[in-house]
């Protein structure tokens, strides 16, 4: 297995005010909105203005995918996967799970309401963004948000962010994609988030789990994939930043070059992989490759491997700027 720690800097997106759509594209987008935004049983407005609709779990957008029309919902993984944050890590930082949504009725799941602007943004960003980190143009702000991205063919014809196309099956009544995450303070307490994605060894579905309270958020069904229905061959950890062609790239983490100090640097701790039996395992750090796609004065990464009592760990970030 190739373990790849990736730090990327991508540019090439035009400003969000330069988008024009044809009449045909406008009609296509309106039709897609009708499909994605199902009639809700209840709607919840968040502090940023985002609307979350409580949708019948059996009528969510995932089942509009042609390969999922006869799919039976898996309510939880077949084995206990997902771990609580290790004690050593939880003592080092303060955790934050305040982004849970409250109030959806029984047998419904919260799904962020897709806006027309988001679909226009996603369409114009698609040729550049499909293999990148979330770009501010996607949501129209610079907030840190929970997101997922999938593809079944290397981003040629399939895949999208979150639920901008059918694919992800939501099962948790309080967690969903798109929610803002509260970040830490430079030199002060940091926030820790414990997310994992792994394949259920029995069903073959790829589960997305919040390890802080072991919440099974949902999964990408095996039917929408090819070889991923059996295993993954590459695992990547790292950070991604993006900007327009003539614009400086944004800061990553706290905006400073990384040091081995969790108070002043973004980090990943307790890094593990999951085997074909659903067990969390430490990986061979000698097989890790460090990739830098830009100058280290802009972004850098420090990988000490096994670090004190925090397991396998890495530190990353940087100020950004005009970076070749």
Protein backbone atom coordinates (compact mmCIF):
# COMPACT_ATOMS: atom_id res chain seq x y z
CA UNK A 1 0.00 0.00 0.00
CA UNK A 2 1.25 3.47 -0.89
CA UNK A 3 0.79 6.01 1.90
CA UNK A 4 0.92 9.50 0.50
CA UNK A 5 1.04 12.67 2.60
CA UNK A 6 -0.05 15.36 0.14
CA UNK A 7 0.27 19.13 0.43
CA UNK A 8 -1.20 20.90 -2.59
CA UNK A 9 -1.52 24.44 -3.95
CA UNK A 10 -3.94 24.82 -6.85
CA UNK A 11 -4.92 27.88 -8.83
CA UNK A 12 -6.96 28.63 -11.91
CA UNK A 13 -10.45 29.67 -10.85
CA UNK A 14 -12.09 32.88 -11.98
CA UNK A 15 -13.85 35.25 -9.59
CA UNK A 16 -17.33 34.33 -8.44
CA UNK A 17 -18.89 37.40 -10.08
CA UNK A 18 -17.82 36.39 -13.58
CA UNK A 19 -20.26 33.52 -14.07
CA UNK A 20 -22.80 33.52 -16.85
CA UNK A 21 -25.08 30.63 -17.73
CA UNK A 22 -26.98 30.06 -20.92
CA UNK A 23 -30.75 29.67 -21.02
CA UNK A 24 -30.32 25.93 -21.48
CA UNK A 25 -27.94 25.71 -18.53
CA UNK A 26 -30.34 27.73 -16.40
CA UNK A 27 -33.17 25.33 -17.18
CA UNK A 28 -30.92 22.37 -16.41
CA UNK A 29 -29.92 23.86 -13.05
CA UNK A 30 -33.53 24.57 -12.10
CA UNK A 31 -34.48 20.98 -12.87
CA UNK A 32 -31.59 19.68 -10.81
CA UNK A 33 -32.65 21.85 -7.86
CA UNK A 34 -36.08 20.23 -7.94
CA UNK A 35 -34.47 16.80 -7.77
CA UNK A 36 -31.92 17.60 -5.05
CA UNK A 37 -34.18 19.62 -2.74
CA UNK A 38 -36.79 17.10 -1.66
CA UNK A 39 -40.02 18.23 0.08
CA UNK A 40 -39.03 18.53 3.76
CA UNK A 41 -40.97 17.49 6.82
CA UNK A 42 -39.26 20.34 8.65
CA UNK A 43 -36.61 22.97 7.89
CA UNK A 44 -33.93 24.34 10.23
CA UNK A 45 -32.13 27.65 9.65
CA UNK A 46 -28.58 27.89 10.96
CA UNK A 47 -26.80 31.02 12.22
CA UNK A 48 -24.96 31.51 8.90
CA UNK A 49 -28.25 31.42 7.04
CA UNK A 50 -27.87 27.86 5.74
CA UNK A 51 -31.11 25.92 5.51
CA UNK A 52 -31.23 22.24 6.43
CA UNK A 53 -34.23 20.23 5.36
CA UNK A 54 -35.40 17.20 7.34
CA UNK A 55 -35.99 14.64 4.58
CA UNK A 56 -37.56 11.21 4.87
CA UNK A 57 -34.56 8.88 5.10
CA UNK A 58 -36.00 6.62 2.39
CA UNK A 59 -36.61 9.50 -0.03
CA UNK A 60 -33.26 11.29 0.18
CA UNK A 61 -31.43 12.33 -3.02
CA UNK A 62 -29.05 9.33 -2.98
CA UNK A 63 -31.80 7.08 -4.29
CA UNK A 64 -32.12 9.10 -7.48
CA UNK A 65 -28.83 7.51 -8.52
CA UNK A 66 -29.66 4.85 -11.15
CA UNK A 67 -27.42 2.30 -9.41
CA UNK A 68 -29.14 2.81 -6.04
CA UNK A 69 -32.81 2.42 -6.95
CA UNK A 70 -32.97 -0.99 -5.26
CA UNK A 71 -30.43 -0.21 -2.55
CA UNK A 72 -31.33 -1.21 1.01
CA UNK A 73 -30.22 1.31 3.61
CA UNK A 74 -27.52 0.15 6.00
CA UNK A 75 -28.23 1.91 9.31
CA UNK A 76 -24.86 1.13 10.93
CA UNK A 77 -21.60 -0.66 10.09
CA UNK A 78 -21.51 -4.43 10.58
CA UNK A 79 -18.53 -4.15 12.91
CA UNK A 80 -17.75 -1.50 15.52
CA UNK A 81 -15.65 0.98 13.58
CA UNK A 82 -14.65 4.45 14.68
CA UNK A 83 -12.82 5.22 17.87
CA UNK A 84 -13.08 7.80 20.58
CA UNK A 85 -10.25 10.34 20.58
CA UNK A 86 -7.29 8.95 22.46
CA UNK A 87 -6.89 10.26 26.00
CA UNK A 88 -3.48 11.80 25.31
CA UNK A 89 -4.86 13.80 22.40
CA UNK A 90 -8.03 14.93 24.17
CA UNK A 91 -5.97 16.32 27.06
CA UNK A 92 -3.83 18.32 24.64
CA UNK A 93 -6.69 20.13 22.89
CA UNK A 94 -10.33 20.96 23.48
CA UNK A 95 -12.84 19.12 21.33
CA UNK A 96 -15.88 20.72 19.76
CA UNK A 97 -18.99 18.91 18.54
CA UNK A 98 -21.31 21.92 18.57
CA UNK A 99 -22.07 21.70 14.89
CA UNK A 100 -24.70 18.96 15.38
CA UNK A 101 -28.16 19.85 14.16
CA UNK A 102 -31.11 19.42 16.50
CA UNK A 103 -34.79 19.02 15.82
CA UNK A 104 -35.34 16.72 12.83
CA UNK A 105 -38.33 14.38 13.31
CA UNK A 106 -37.97 10.62 13.60
CA UNK A 107 -37.06 8.76 10.37
CA UNK A 108 -35.76 11.94 8.74
CA UNK A 109 -32.19 13.11 8.11
CA UNK A 110 -30.84 16.69 7.85
CA UNK A 111 -29.68 17.60 4.35
CA UNK A 112 -28.34 21.05 3.54
CA UNK A 113 -30.59 22.80 1.02
CA UNK A 114 -28.77 23.36 -2.26
CA UNK A 115 -29.04 26.87 -3.72
CA UNK A 116 -29.02 27.87 -7.36
CA UNK A 117 -25.83 29.88 -6.85
CA UNK A 118 -24.05 26.80 -5.48
CA UNK A 119 -24.97 24.74 -8.52
CA UNK A 120 -23.80 27.54 -10.83
CA UNK A 121 -20.54 27.77 -8.86
CA UNK A 122 -20.07 24.00 -8.91
CA UNK A 123 -20.68 23.84 -12.65
CA UNK A 124 -18.12 26.53 -13.44
CA UNK A 125 -15.60 25.10 -10.98
CA UNK A 126 -16.04 21.50 -12.06
CA UNK A 127 -13.10 21.29 -14.47
CA UNK A 128 -10.71 22.59 -11.81
CA UNK A 129 -12.18 21.77 -8.45
CA UNK A 130 -13.14 18.11 -8.71
CA UNK A 131 -9.76 16.95 -7.46
CA UNK A 132 -9.20 19.84 -5.00
CA UNK A 133 -10.08 21.09 -1.53
CA UNK A 134 -13.21 22.98 -0.98
CA UNK A 135 -12.98 26.43 -2.62
CA UNK A 136 -14.71 29.53 -1.13
CA UNK A 137 -16.69 29.85 -4.34
CA UNK A 138 -18.52 26.61 -3.62
CA UNK A 139 -20.30 27.94 -0.51
CA UNK A 140 -19.71 31.64 -1.04
CA UNK A 141 -17.76 32.17 2.18
CA UNK A 142 -14.44 31.41 3.89
CA UNK A 143 -15.80 29.29 6.73
CA UNK A 144 -14.33 25.94 7.68
CA UNK A 145 -16.96 23.34 6.83
CA UNK A 146 -17.46 19.58 6.90
CA UNK A 147 -17.41 18.23 3.34
CA UNK A 148 -17.11 15.04 1.37
CA UNK A 149 -15.98 14.44 -2.21
CA UNK A 150 -16.34 11.24 -4.23
CA UNK A 151 -15.77 9.87 -7.71
CA UNK A 152 -16.01 6.44 -9.33
CA UNK A 153 -13.86 7.09 -12.40
CA UNK A 154 -11.14 9.55 -11.49
CA UNK A 155 -13.45 12.57 -11.89
CA UNK A 156 -14.09 11.94 -15.58
CA UNK A 157 -17.87 11.61 -15.50
CA UNK A 158 -18.91 10.87 -11.92
CA UNK A 159 -18.71 12.44 -8.50
CA UNK A 160 -19.36 15.68 -6.65
CA UNK A 161 -19.07 17.46 -3.32
CA UNK A 162 -21.43 16.62 -0.48
CA UNK A 163 -24.91 16.01 -1.93
CA UNK A 164 -24.72 18.15 -5.04
CA UNK A 165 -25.41 14.91 -6.90
CA UNK A 166 -26.94 11.58 -5.77
CA UNK A 167 -24.52 9.17 -4.12
CA UNK A 168 -24.02 9.66 -0.37
CA UNK A 169 -26.56 7.97 1.92
CA UNK A 170 -27.22 10.02 5.07
CA UNK A 171 -28.32 8.05 8.17
CA UNK A 172 -27.47 10.22 11.19
CA UNK A 173 -30.25 12.55 12.44
CA UNK A 174 -27.93 15.34 13.68
CA UNK A 175 -24.74 15.40 11.60
CA UNK A 176 -24.56 16.40 7.94
CA UNK A 177 -22.28 17.90 5.30
CA UNK A 178 -21.79 21.65 5.02
CA UNK A 179 -21.85 22.54 8.69
CA UNK A 180 -19.38 25.14 9.98
CA UNK A 181 -16.59 23.98 12.28
CA UNK A 182 -15.35 26.21 15.09
CA UNK A 183 -11.57 26.45 14.84
CA UNK A 184 -9.00 27.04 17.55
CA UNK A 185 -6.91 30.09 18.49
CA UNK A 186 -3.24 30.57 17.64
CA UNK A 187 -1.22 30.09 20.81
CA UNK A 188 -4.31 29.02 22.75
CA UNK A 189 -6.68 26.09 22.91
CA UNK A 190 -7.11 24.18 19.68
CA UNK A 191 -10.16 22.31 18.45
CA UNK A 192 -9.90 18.66 17.59
CA UNK A 193 -12.11 16.82 15.11
CA UNK A 194 -11.91 13.08 14.67
CA UNK A 195 -13.26 11.97 11.29
CA UNK A 196 -12.66 8.70 9.49
CA UNK A 197 -13.66 7.08 6.22
CA UNK A 198 -13.40 3.34 5.87
CA UNK A 199 -14.94 0.38 4.09
CA UNK A 200 -17.33 -1.89 5.95
CA UNK A 201 -15.74 -5.34 5.50
CA UNK A 202 -19.11 -7.07 5.07
CA UNK A 203 -21.29 -4.66 3.10
CA UNK A 204 -18.48 -3.00 1.11
CA UNK A 205 -19.97 0.46 1.78
CA UNK A 206 -17.59 3.31 2.67
CA UNK A 207 -18.64 4.83 6.00
CA UNK A 208 -18.05 8.41 7.16
CA UNK A 209 -17.76 8.51 10.97
CA UNK A 210 -17.23 11.21 13.58
CA UNK A 211 -14.99 9.58 16.15
CA UNK A 212 -15.55 12.16 18.89
CA UNK A 213 -18.85 10.51 19.80
CA UNK A 214 -18.60 7.61 17.31
CA UNK A 215 -21.43 9.00 15.20
CA UNK A 216 -22.14 7.05 12.00
CA UNK A 217 -22.98 9.94 9.66
CA UNK A 218 -23.59 7.92 6.50
CA UNK A 219 -21.85 6.13 3.66
CA UNK A 220 -21.01 5.98 -0.02
CA UNK A 221 -22.55 2.69 -1.27
CA UNK A 222 -20.32 0.12 -2.94
CA UNK A 223 -22.64 0.11 -5.99
CA UNK A 224 -21.36 3.49 -7.18
CA UNK A 225 -17.72 2.36 -7.25
CA UNK A 226 -15.57 -0.12 -9.17
CA UNK A 227 -12.40 -1.33 -7.39
CA UNK A 228 -13.21 0.77 -4.30
CA UNK A 229 -16.02 -1.68 -3.59
CA UNK A 230 -13.23 -4.07 -2.53
CA UNK A 231 -10.36 -1.98 -1.22
CA UNK A 232 -8.36 1.27 -1.46
CA UNK A 233 -4.81 1.39 -2.79
CA UNK A 234 -3.77 4.94 -1.78
CA UNK A 235 -4.36 6.89 1.41
CA UNK A 236 -3.58 10.61 1.60
CA UNK A 237 -3.28 13.01 4.52
CA UNK A 238 -2.58 16.73 4.27
CA UNK A 239 -3.89 20.16 3.39
CA UNK A 240 -5.01 21.90 0.21
CA UNK A 241 -5.32 25.62 -0.59
CA UNK A 242 -6.51 27.36 -3.76
CA UNK A 243 -6.84 30.79 -5.37
CA UNK A 244 -7.39 32.53 -8.70
CA UNK A 245 -4.70 32.76 -11.37
CA UNK A 246 -3.46 36.22 -10.40
CA UNK A 247 -4.35 36.02 -6.71
CA UNK A 248 -2.23 35.04 -3.69
CA UNK A 249 -3.04 31.67 -2.21
CA UNK A 250 -4.68 31.81 1.23
CA UNK A 251 -3.12 30.82 4.56
CA UNK A 252 -3.37 27.24 5.69
CA UNK A 253 -3.84 26.33 9.33
CA UNK A 254 -2.81 29.33 11.46
CA UNK A 255 -0.98 30.99 8.60
CA UNK A 256 2.56 30.24 9.80
CA UNK A 257 5.13 27.68 8.75
CA UNK A 258 4.73 24.54 10.87
CA UNK A 259 6.70 23.73 13.99
CA UNK A 260 6.47 20.69 16.23
CA UNK A 261 4.18 22.51 18.64
CA UNK A 262 0.46 21.79 18.65
CA UNK A 263 -0.34 25.20 20.17
CA UNK A 264 0.97 27.05 17.11
CA UNK A 265 0.49 24.58 14.27
CA UNK A 266 -2.33 22.54 12.74
CA UNK A 267 -1.69 18.85 13.15
CA UNK A 268 -3.04 15.35 12.68
CA UNK A 269 -2.53 12.91 15.52
CA UNK A 270 -3.35 9.26 16.07
CA UNK A 271 -3.18 8.64 12.31
CA UNK A 272 -4.21 5.09 11.44
CA UNK A 273 -5.47 2.88 8.64
CA UNK A 274 -8.26 0.29 8.74
CA UNK A 275 -7.64 -3.28 7.61
CA UNK A 276 -10.04 -5.62 5.80
CA UNK A 277 -11.49 -6.76 9.13
CA UNK A 278 -12.35 -3.24 10.29
CA UNK A 279 -9.48 -2.93 12.77
CA UNK A 280 -7.62 0.35 13.28
CA UNK A 281 -3.89 -0.19 12.81
CA UNK A 282 -0.73 1.91 12.87
CA UNK A 283 0.92 1.98 9.45
CA UNK A 284 4.55 1.59 8.44
CA UNK A 285 5.88 5.17 8.53
CA UNK A 286 8.90 4.20 6.44
CA UNK A 287 6.59 3.83 3.42
CA UNK A 288 5.21 7.36 3.66
CA UNK A 289 6.03 9.75 0.82
CA UNK A 290 6.04 13.51 1.43
CA UNK A 291 4.83 15.49 -1.59
CA UNK A 292 5.24 19.28 -1.89
CA UNK A 293 3.52 20.89 -4.87
CA UNK A 294 4.72 24.39 -4.05
CA UNK A 295 7.56 26.22 -2.28
CA UNK A 296 8.00 25.46 1.38
CA UNK A 297 8.01 29.16 2.26
CA UNK A 298 4.32 29.08 1.30
CA UNK A 299 3.26 25.76 2.82
CA UNK A 300 5.20 23.03 4.54
CA UNK A 301 4.75 19.75 6.35
CA UNK A 302 6.61 18.08 9.19
CA UNK A 303 6.19 14.35 9.64
CA UNK A 304 7.98 13.03 12.75
CA UNK A 305 6.17 9.70 12.48
CA UNK A 306 5.49 8.27 15.92
CA UNK A 307 5.48 11.28 18.27
CA UNK A 308 5.63 10.92 22.07
CA UNK A 309 2.25 9.56 23.25
CA UNK A 310 0.14 10.93 20.40
CA UNK A 311 0.69 8.10 17.97
CA UNK A 312 1.61 8.77 14.36
CA UNK A 313 1.49 12.54 13.88
CA UNK A 314 2.10 15.31 11.36
CA UNK A 315 2.20 19.13 11.46
CA UNK A 316 1.32 21.31 8.47
CA UNK A 317 0.34 24.79 7.28
CA UNK A 318 1.81 28.03 6.01
CA UNK A 319 1.20 31.70 5.11
CA UNK A 320 0.45 31.17 1.42
CA UNK A 321 1.13 34.08 -0.89
CA UNK A 322 2.30 34.28 -4.51
CA UNK A 323 3.61 30.77 -4.80
CA UNK A 324 4.89 29.07 -7.97
